[in-house]
Protein backbone atom coordinates (compact mmCIF):
# COMPACT_ATOMS: atom_id res chain seq x y z
CA ALA A 1 155.34 124.72 83.37
CA ARG A 2 155.79 123.20 86.62
CA PRO A 3 153.23 122.92 89.07
CA ARG A 4 154.29 120.90 91.72
CA GLU A 5 157.65 122.94 92.27
CA PHE A 6 155.87 125.71 92.60
CA LEU A 7 153.64 124.15 95.25
CA ALA A 8 156.87 122.85 97.14
CA GLN A 9 157.77 126.23 97.03
CA LEU A 10 154.80 128.22 98.96
CA GLU A 11 155.10 129.48 102.30
CA GLY A 12 153.18 130.70 105.50
CA ARG A 13 149.24 130.97 104.42
CA ALA A 14 149.75 129.65 100.73
CA ALA A 15 151.55 126.50 101.87
CA ARG A 16 149.28 125.28 104.05
CA ALA A 17 145.61 126.35 102.11
CA ASN A 18 147.41 123.71 99.97
CA HIS A 19 148.25 121.51 102.52
CA ALA A 20 144.87 122.08 103.58
CA GLN A 21 143.16 121.15 100.22
CA ALA A 22 145.23 118.33 99.70
CA ASN A 23 144.00 116.66 103.40
CA SER A 24 140.63 117.44 101.99
CA TYR A 25 141.13 115.71 99.04
CA GLU A 26 142.77 112.64 100.87
CA ALA A 27 139.11 112.23 103.48
CA PHE A 28 136.46 112.48 100.51
CA PRO A 29 136.83 109.07 99.82
CA PRO A 30 136.21 107.19 103.46
CA PHE A 31 133.76 109.85 103.73
CA ALA A 32 131.66 109.65 100.37
CA ALA A 33 132.14 105.60 101.16
CA GLY A 34 130.54 106.28 104.42
CA VAL A 35 127.33 108.12 102.67
CA VAL A 36 126.81 105.53 100.13
CA ILE A 37 127.13 102.59 102.17
CA ALA A 38 124.60 104.45 104.82
CA HIS A 39 122.54 104.60 101.88
CA VAL A 40 122.80 101.40 100.76
CA THR A 41 122.14 99.67 103.87
CA GLY A 42 119.05 101.67 104.74
CA GLY A 43 120.60 101.40 108.79
CA ALA A 44 119.70 104.83 109.47
CA ASP A 45 117.22 107.28 108.51
CA GLN A 46 118.23 109.38 105.28
CA SER A 47 117.63 112.72 107.45
CA THR A 48 120.15 111.42 109.86
CA ILE A 49 122.68 111.29 107.17
CA ASP A 50 122.17 113.77 105.66
CA LEU A 51 122.31 115.04 108.44
CA LEU A 52 125.53 113.94 109.67
CA ALA A 53 127.14 114.45 105.96
CA VAL A 54 126.19 118.73 106.49
CA VAL A 55 127.87 118.73 109.75
CA PHE A 56 131.34 116.58 108.43
CA ILE A 57 131.12 119.37 105.20
CA VAL A 58 130.79 122.08 107.84
CA ALA A 59 133.34 120.55 110.34
CA ARG A 60 135.82 120.35 107.08
CA VAL A 61 135.46 124.25 105.87
CA ALA A 62 136.14 125.07 109.58
CA TYR A 63 138.93 123.23 109.36
CA GLY A 64 140.43 124.38 106.87
CA LEU A 65 139.48 127.95 107.66
CA CYS A 66 141.40 127.26 110.57
CA TYR A 67 144.46 125.96 109.53
CA ILE A 68 145.33 128.51 106.28
CA ALA A 69 144.64 131.08 109.44
CA ASP A 70 147.50 128.78 111.64
CA LYS A 71 144.96 128.56 114.13
CA SER A 72 145.43 125.29 116.54
């Protein structure tokens, strides 16, 4: 009934998972804007844009897993 209160009370791994999710939501708009701008301006080959986008996504997944596991 009150998800924000519930999430505020989480501790440990569950709290870190929630924080990693929130951080990913915050990182998405600049990432999406960068991909769109790179595509629209034509400043880079599509394969380069694709590669950088995949590297970013893989890095974000690795970050989330490390954050949840409490690894610095």
